[in-house]
Amino acid sequence: MKYTKTHVWIRYHPGENVPEAYQTGYVGITYYAQRKLKDINKLTHPIIGTLVDKGESLGTVESPYLKLELISPVTGAIFEVVSSEQFNEEVEKDLKKVNLDAESQHLVALKVSNPAELDDLLGIKEYEAFTEHEE
């Protein structure tokens, strides 16, 4: 797993013998971000199929306390989302998972266009050092 300074993680699954255009990155918020948000109750996102560049918005994660912009850690095409706009029992379960264990539940899945961009992201030790300075 890799991390950004905007408190987003990406879990990358390249797959064997799979062309780069079909390699998957699962994106979510970090434990640090979830602690700041406290109780996530709303998600917004672009529609499936949207192409996003590294650094562009993937939507927002909101709670009664805070709103966090979900910034894409890599370039790719959105192919899966967790959406509170189409709120149902499954989404409610997913939001509860994020509130309980932020790094076990992704919010957006991307088909990663440029896996080399992952090299610019932080490892866990670098991210933890970064968040210590934010406290």
N, C-alpha and C. Protein backbone atom coordinates (compact mmCIF):
# COMPACT_ATOMS: atom_id res chain seq x y z
N MET A 1 0.85 -1.17 0.00
CA MET A 1 0.00 0.00 0.00
C MET A 1 0.90 1.23 0.00
N LYS A 2 0.47 2.27 -0.74
CA LYS A 2 1.18 3.54 -0.82
C LYS A 2 0.24 4.64 -0.33
N TYR A 3 0.84 5.77 0.09
CA TYR A 3 0.08 6.85 0.71
C TYR A 3 0.42 8.20 0.09
N THR A 4 -0.52 9.16 0.24
CA THR A 4 -0.29 10.52 -0.23
C THR A 4 -0.32 11.48 0.96
N LYS A 5 0.16 12.68 0.74
CA LYS A 5 0.10 13.70 1.77
C LYS A 5 -1.30 14.29 1.91
N THR A 6 -2.23 13.86 1.07
CA THR A 6 -3.63 14.28 1.19
C THR A 6 -4.45 13.19 1.91
N HIS A 7 -3.76 12.25 2.54
CA HIS A 7 -4.37 11.23 3.40
C HIS A 7 -5.23 10.22 2.63
N VAL A 8 -4.71 9.84 1.49
CA VAL A 8 -5.33 8.83 0.63
C VAL A 8 -4.35 7.68 0.50
N TRP A 9 -4.87 6.46 0.47
CA TRP A 9 -4.02 5.29 0.19
C TRP A 9 -4.44 4.64 -1.12
N ILE A 10 -3.52 3.90 -1.69
CA ILE A 10 -3.83 3.10 -2.88
C ILE A 10 -3.19 1.73 -2.70
N ARG A 11 -3.99 0.73 -2.95
CA ARG A 11 -3.52 -0.65 -2.95
C ARG A 11 -3.54 -1.08 -4.43
N TYR A 12 -2.37 -1.40 -4.94
CA TYR A 12 -2.21 -1.67 -6.37
C TYR A 12 -2.09 -3.17 -6.61
N HIS A 13 -2.87 -3.66 -7.56
CA HIS A 13 -2.85 -5.08 -7.93
C HIS A 13 -2.54 -5.19 -9.43
N PRO A 14 -1.26 -5.36 -9.76
CA PRO A 14 -0.92 -5.39 -11.19
C PRO A 14 -1.41 -6.65 -11.90
N GLY A 15 -1.48 -7.78 -11.24
CA GLY A 15 -1.89 -9.00 -11.91
C GLY A 15 -0.80 -9.52 -12.82
N GLU A 16 -0.77 -10.81 -12.99
CA GLU A 16 0.23 -11.43 -13.87
C GLU A 16 -0.28 -11.48 -15.29
N ASN A 17 0.60 -11.21 -16.22
CA ASN A 17 0.28 -11.27 -17.65
C ASN A 17 -0.94 -10.42 -18.01
N VAL A 18 -1.07 -9.29 -17.34
CA VAL A 18 -2.18 -8.38 -17.59
C VAL A 18 -1.62 -7.09 -18.17
N PRO A 19 -2.16 -6.61 -19.30
CA PRO A 19 -1.68 -5.34 -19.85
C PRO A 19 -1.84 -4.22 -18.84
N GLU A 20 -0.92 -3.24 -18.87
CA GLU A 20 -0.97 -2.12 -17.93
C GLU A 20 -2.34 -1.45 -17.88
N ALA A 21 -3.03 -1.36 -19.00
CA ALA A 21 -4.33 -0.67 -19.05
C ALA A 21 -5.39 -1.36 -18.20
N TYR A 22 -5.14 -2.59 -17.77
CA TYR A 22 -6.13 -3.33 -16.98
C TYR A 22 -5.69 -3.57 -15.54
N GLN A 23 -4.66 -2.89 -15.11
CA GLN A 23 -4.17 -3.08 -13.75
C GLN A 23 -4.95 -2.18 -12.79
N THR A 24 -5.24 -2.70 -11.63
CA THR A 24 -6.20 -2.08 -10.73
C THR A 24 -5.55 -1.43 -9.52
N GLY A 25 -6.04 -0.24 -9.17
CA GLY A 25 -5.67 0.44 -7.95
C GLY A 25 -6.93 0.72 -7.14
N TYR A 26 -6.93 0.27 -5.89
CA TYR A 26 -8.04 0.52 -4.98
C TYR A 26 -7.65 1.67 -4.07
N VAL A 27 -8.52 2.68 -3.99
CA VAL A 27 -8.21 3.94 -3.30
C VAL A 27 -9.17 4.16 -2.14
N GLY A 28 -8.60 4.60 -1.01
CA GLY A 28 -9.43 4.92 0.15
C GLY A 28 -8.75 5.98 1.00
N ILE A 29 -9.33 6.24 2.16
CA ILE A 29 -8.74 7.22 3.07
C ILE A 29 -7.95 6.49 4.15
N THR A 30 -7.01 7.20 4.72
CA THR A 30 -6.14 6.63 5.74
C THR A 30 -6.82 6.64 7.12
N TYR A 31 -6.24 5.89 8.05
CA TYR A 31 -6.71 5.91 9.43
C TYR A 31 -6.66 7.34 9.97
N TYR A 32 -5.59 8.06 9.64
CA TYR A 32 -5.43 9.44 10.10
C TYR A 32 -6.62 10.30 9.64
N ALA A 33 -6.98 10.19 8.37
CA ALA A 33 -8.11 10.97 7.83
C ALA A 33 -9.41 10.56 8.50
N GLN A 34 -9.61 9.28 8.70
CA GLN A 34 -10.84 8.81 9.32
C GLN A 34 -10.96 9.33 10.75
N ARG A 35 -9.86 9.37 11.49
CA ARG A 35 -9.90 9.90 12.86
C ARG A 35 -10.30 11.38 12.85
N LYS A 36 -9.85 12.13 11.85
CA LYS A 36 -10.22 13.55 11.75
C LYS A 36 -11.70 13.71 11.37
N LEU A 37 -12.17 12.86 10.45
CA LEU A 37 -13.56 12.93 10.00
C LEU A 37 -14.53 12.41 11.07
N LYS A 38 -14.13 11.42 11.80
CA LYS A 38 -14.89 10.77 12.88
C LYS A 38 -15.99 9.85 12.37
N ASP A 39 -17.04 10.36 11.79
CA ASP A 39 -18.19 9.53 11.41
C ASP A 39 -18.61 9.87 9.99
N ILE A 40 -18.06 9.15 9.02
CA ILE A 40 -18.34 9.43 7.61
C ILE A 40 -19.80 9.11 7.31
N ASN A 41 -20.47 10.07 6.67
CA ASN A 41 -21.87 9.84 6.35
C ASN A 41 -22.23 10.21 4.91
N LYS A 42 -21.25 10.70 4.13
CA LYS A 42 -21.56 11.07 2.74
C LYS A 42 -20.31 10.96 1.89
N LEU A 43 -20.50 10.42 0.68
CA LEU A 43 -19.44 10.34 -0.32
C LEU A 43 -19.96 10.91 -1.62
N THR A 44 -19.11 11.64 -2.33
CA THR A 44 -19.44 12.06 -3.69
C THR A 44 -18.28 11.62 -4.58
N HIS A 45 -18.54 11.45 -5.85
CA HIS A 45 -17.50 10.96 -6.76
C HIS A 45 -17.90 11.23 -8.21
N PRO A 46 -16.93 11.18 -9.13
CA PRO A 46 -17.26 11.25 -10.56
C PRO A 46 -17.94 9.96 -10.98
N ILE A 47 -18.54 9.98 -12.14
CA ILE A 47 -19.22 8.78 -12.63
C ILE A 47 -18.21 7.73 -13.11
N ILE A 48 -18.64 6.50 -13.08
CA ILE A 48 -17.81 5.39 -13.55
C ILE A 48 -17.45 5.65 -15.02
N GLY A 49 -16.20 5.39 -15.35
CA GLY A 49 -15.70 5.62 -16.70
C GLY A 49 -14.93 6.93 -16.84
N THR A 50 -15.07 7.81 -15.84
CA THR A 50 -14.36 9.09 -15.87
C THR A 50 -12.86 8.86 -15.83
N LEU A 51 -12.13 9.57 -16.68
CA LEU A 51 -10.67 9.53 -16.65
C LEU A 51 -10.19 10.64 -15.72
N VAL A 52 -9.29 10.30 -14.80
CA VAL A 52 -8.75 11.29 -13.88
C VAL A 52 -7.23 11.27 -13.95
N ASP A 53 -6.65 12.45 -13.83
CA ASP A 53 -5.20 12.57 -13.77
C ASP A 53 -4.76 12.53 -12.31
N LYS A 54 -3.53 12.16 -12.11
CA LYS A 54 -2.95 12.22 -10.77
C LYS A 54 -3.13 13.64 -10.24
N GLY A 55 -3.61 13.77 -9.01
CA GLY A 55 -3.82 15.08 -8.40
C GLY A 55 -5.21 15.65 -8.60
N GLU A 56 -6.04 15.03 -9.44
CA GLU A 56 -7.42 15.49 -9.64
C GLU A 56 -8.34 14.89 -8.59
N SER A 57 -9.48 15.51 -8.42
CA SER A 57 -10.44 15.06 -7.43
C SER A 57 -11.15 13.77 -7.84
N LEU A 58 -11.26 12.87 -6.87
CA LEU A 58 -12.08 11.66 -7.03
C LEU A 58 -13.40 11.83 -6.29
N GLY A 59 -13.63 13.01 -5.75
CA GLY A 59 -14.84 13.28 -4.99
C GLY A 59 -14.52 13.75 -3.59
N THR A 60 -15.52 13.67 -2.72
CA THR A 60 -15.34 14.09 -1.34
C THR A 60 -15.83 13.01 -0.38
N VAL A 61 -15.26 13.04 0.80
CA VAL A 61 -15.68 12.20 1.91
C VAL A 61 -16.10 13.18 3.00
N GLU A 62 -17.33 13.03 3.52
CA GLU A 62 -17.84 14.02 4.45
C GLU A 62 -18.35 13.38 5.74
N SER A 63 -18.26 14.18 6.79
CA SER A 63 -18.84 13.83 8.08
C SER A 63 -19.50 15.09 8.61
N PRO A 64 -20.20 15.01 9.72
CA PRO A 64 -20.77 16.23 10.30
C PRO A 64 -19.68 17.23 10.73
N TYR A 65 -18.44 16.76 10.84
CA TYR A 65 -17.35 17.57 11.36
C TYR A 65 -16.43 18.16 10.31
N LEU A 66 -16.31 17.49 9.16
CA LEU A 66 -15.28 17.84 8.20
C LEU A 66 -15.61 17.31 6.82
N LYS A 67 -15.03 17.94 5.81
CA LYS A 67 -15.16 17.49 4.42
C LYS A 67 -13.75 17.33 3.87
N LEU A 68 -13.44 16.16 3.33
CA LEU A 68 -12.12 15.86 2.81
C LEU A 68 -12.21 15.60 1.30
N GLU A 69 -11.37 16.29 0.55
CA GLU A 69 -11.28 16.06 -0.89
C GLU A 69 -10.46 14.79 -1.11
N LEU A 70 -11.00 13.87 -1.86
CA LEU A 70 -10.31 12.62 -2.19
C LEU A 70 -9.52 12.86 -3.48
N ILE A 71 -8.20 13.01 -3.35
CA ILE A 71 -7.33 13.36 -4.48
C ILE A 71 -6.73 12.08 -5.07
N SER A 72 -6.82 11.93 -6.37
CA SER A 72 -6.32 10.73 -7.02
C SER A 72 -4.80 10.64 -6.91
N PRO A 73 -4.30 9.50 -6.41
CA PRO A 73 -2.85 9.34 -6.29
C PRO A 73 -2.18 8.96 -7.61
N VAL A 74 -2.98 8.55 -8.60
CA VAL A 74 -2.46 8.14 -9.90
C VAL A 74 -3.44 8.52 -11.01
N THR A 75 -3.00 8.41 -12.24
CA THR A 75 -3.85 8.62 -13.40
C THR A 75 -4.56 7.31 -13.74
N GLY A 76 -5.84 7.42 -14.08
CA GLY A 76 -6.57 6.21 -14.44
C GLY A 76 -8.02 6.47 -14.75
N ALA A 77 -8.76 5.40 -14.96
CA ALA A 77 -10.20 5.46 -15.25
C ALA A 77 -10.96 4.82 -14.10
N ILE A 78 -11.98 5.51 -13.62
CA ILE A 78 -12.79 5.01 -12.52
C ILE A 78 -13.67 3.87 -13.03
N PHE A 79 -13.63 2.73 -12.33
CA PHE A 79 -14.51 1.64 -12.74
C PHE A 79 -15.37 1.09 -11.60
N GLU A 80 -15.14 1.57 -10.38
CA GLU A 80 -15.97 1.13 -9.26
C GLU A 80 -15.96 2.21 -8.19
N VAL A 81 -17.13 2.43 -7.56
CA VAL A 81 -17.23 3.43 -6.50
C VAL A 81 -18.15 2.93 -5.39
N VAL A 82 -17.93 3.47 -4.20
CA VAL A 82 -18.89 3.33 -3.11
C VAL A 82 -19.62 4.66 -3.08
N SER A 83 -20.94 4.64 -3.15
CA SER A 83 -21.68 5.88 -3.32
C SER A 83 -22.80 6.04 -2.31
N SER A 84 -22.76 7.12 -1.55
CA SER A 84 -23.87 7.39 -0.64
C SER A 84 -25.00 8.14 -1.34
N GLU A 85 -24.78 8.56 -2.57
CA GLU A 85 -25.85 9.22 -3.32
C GLU A 85 -26.94 8.24 -3.71
N GLN A 86 -26.55 6.98 -3.89
CA GLN A 86 -27.50 5.91 -4.17
C GLN A 86 -27.56 5.06 -2.91
N PHE A 87 -27.90 5.71 -1.81
CA PHE A 87 -27.78 5.09 -0.49
C PHE A 87 -28.64 3.85 -0.39
N ASN A 88 -28.03 2.78 0.04
CA ASN A 88 -28.74 1.54 0.28
C ASN A 88 -28.02 0.78 1.40
N GLU A 89 -28.53 -0.38 1.71
CA GLU A 89 -27.97 -1.15 2.82
C GLU A 89 -26.50 -1.52 2.59
N GLU A 90 -26.12 -1.85 1.36
CA GLU A 90 -24.73 -2.22 1.07
C GLU A 90 -23.79 -1.02 1.27
N VAL A 91 -24.20 0.15 0.82
CA VAL A 91 -23.38 1.34 1.00
C VAL A 91 -23.25 1.65 2.49
N GLU A 92 -24.34 1.53 3.22
CA GLU A 92 -24.28 1.77 4.66
C GLU A 92 -23.27 0.82 5.32
N LYS A 93 -23.24 -0.43 4.90
CA LYS A 93 -22.26 -1.39 5.43
C LYS A 93 -20.84 -0.95 5.07
N ASP A 94 -20.65 -0.49 3.82
CA ASP A 94 -19.32 -0.05 3.39
C ASP A 94 -18.85 1.17 4.19
N LEU A 95 -19.75 2.13 4.43
CA LEU A 95 -19.38 3.31 5.22
C LEU A 95 -19.04 2.91 6.66
N LYS A 96 -19.77 1.95 7.21
CA LYS A 96 -19.45 1.47 8.55
C LYS A 96 -18.07 0.83 8.57
N LYS A 97 -17.73 0.10 7.49
CA LYS A 97 -16.40 -0.50 7.40
C LYS A 97 -15.32 0.57 7.39
N VAL A 98 -15.55 1.65 6.64
CA VAL A 98 -14.58 2.74 6.58
C VAL A 98 -14.44 3.38 7.96
N ASN A 99 -15.56 3.60 8.64
CA ASN A 99 -15.52 4.21 9.97
C ASN A 99 -14.80 3.32 10.98
N LEU A 100 -14.92 2.01 10.83
CA LEU A 100 -14.29 1.09 11.78
C LEU A 100 -12.84 0.77 11.41
N ASP A 101 -12.56 0.66 10.12
CA ASP A 101 -11.23 0.25 9.67
C ASP A 101 -10.97 0.86 8.29
N ALA A 102 -10.57 2.13 8.29
CA ALA A 102 -10.48 2.93 7.07
C ALA A 102 -9.61 2.29 5.98
N GLU A 103 -8.58 1.59 6.37
CA GLU A 103 -7.66 1.07 5.36
C GLU A 103 -8.02 -0.34 4.88
N SER A 104 -9.19 -0.82 5.27
CA SER A 104 -9.63 -2.12 4.77
C SER A 104 -10.72 -1.98 3.70
N GLN A 105 -11.27 -0.78 3.53
CA GLN A 105 -12.38 -0.57 2.60
C GLN A 105 -12.03 0.53 1.60
N HIS A 106 -11.98 0.16 0.32
CA HIS A 106 -11.72 1.19 -0.69
C HIS A 106 -13.00 1.95 -0.99
N LEU A 107 -12.84 3.17 -1.51
CA LEU A 107 -13.96 4.02 -1.90
C LEU A 107 -14.09 4.12 -3.40
N VAL A 108 -12.96 4.00 -4.10
CA VAL A 108 -12.91 4.10 -5.56
C VAL A 108 -11.91 3.07 -6.08
N ALA A 109 -12.22 2.48 -7.21
CA ALA A 109 -11.26 1.60 -7.88
C ALA A 109 -10.96 2.19 -9.25
N LEU A 110 -9.68 2.19 -9.60
CA LEU A 110 -9.21 2.76 -10.87
C LEU A 110 -8.50 1.71 -11.71
N LYS A 111 -8.63 1.84 -13.01
CA LYS A 111 -7.74 1.14 -13.93
C LYS A 111 -6.55 2.08 -14.09
N VAL A 112 -5.41 1.69 -13.54
CA VAL A 112 -4.23 2.56 -13.46
C VAL A 112 -3.58 2.67 -14.83
N SER A 113 -3.42 3.91 -15.31
CA SER A 113 -2.83 4.16 -16.63
C SER A 113 -1.31 4.21 -16.61
N ASN A 114 -0.75 4.71 -15.50
CA ASN A 114 0.69 4.91 -15.44
C ASN A 114 1.22 4.41 -14.08
N PRO A 115 1.51 3.10 -13.98
CA PRO A 115 1.98 2.55 -12.71
C PRO A 115 3.25 3.20 -12.17
N ALA A 116 4.03 3.83 -13.02
CA ALA A 116 5.26 4.49 -12.57
C ALA A 116 4.95 5.62 -11.59
N GLU A 117 3.73 6.20 -11.64
CA GLU A 117 3.35 7.27 -10.71
C GLU A 117 3.33 6.78 -9.26
N LEU A 118 3.18 5.49 -9.06
CA LEU A 118 3.19 4.93 -7.70
C LEU A 118 4.53 5.15 -7.01
N ASP A 119 5.60 5.26 -7.81
CA ASP A 119 6.94 5.46 -7.25
C ASP A 119 7.06 6.80 -6.51
N ASP A 120 6.20 7.77 -6.84
CA ASP A 120 6.24 9.09 -6.21
C ASP A 120 5.52 9.14 -4.87
N LEU A 121 4.81 8.07 -4.51
CA LEU A 121 4.00 8.05 -3.30
C LEU A 121 4.82 7.61 -2.09
N LEU A 122 4.24 7.79 -0.91
CA LEU A 122 4.92 7.49 0.34
C LEU A 122 4.70 6.04 0.77
N GLY A 123 5.72 5.46 1.38
CA GLY A 123 5.56 4.19 2.07
C GLY A 123 4.97 4.46 3.45
N ILE A 124 4.65 3.41 4.19
CA ILE A 124 4.01 3.57 5.50
C ILE A 124 4.87 4.38 6.48
N LYS A 125 6.15 4.11 6.54
CA LYS A 125 7.02 4.83 7.49
C LYS A 125 7.10 6.32 7.14
N GLU A 126 7.20 6.62 5.84
CA GLU A 126 7.24 8.02 5.41
C GLU A 126 5.92 8.73 5.73
N TYR A 127 4.80 8.03 5.51
CA TYR A 127 3.49 8.63 5.78
C TYR A 127 3.31 8.88 7.27
N GLU A 128 3.69 7.91 8.10
CA GLU A 128 3.57 8.09 9.54
C GLU A 128 4.41 9.26 10.03
N ALA A 129 5.62 9.41 9.49
CA ALA A 129 6.47 10.55 9.86
C ALA A 129 5.80 11.85 9.44
N PHE A 130 5.19 11.88 8.27
CA PHE A 130 4.49 13.07 7.78
C PHE A 130 3.33 13.45 8.70
N THR A 131 2.53 12.46 9.11
CA THR A 131 1.37 12.78 9.94
C THR A 131 1.77 13.21 11.35
N GLU A 132 2.92 12.75 11.84
CA GLU A 132 3.38 13.19 13.15
C GLU A 132 3.60 14.69 13.18
N HIS A 133 4.03 15.26 12.05
CA HIS A 133 4.26 16.70 11.96
C HIS A 133 2.98 17.49 11.77
N GLU A 134 1.89 16.81 11.40
CA GLU A 134 0.60 17.49 11.20
C GLU A 134 -0.19 17.63 12.48
N GLU A 135 0.12 16.85 13.47
CA GLU A 135 -0.66 16.86 14.74
C GLU A 135 -0.60 18.20 15.41
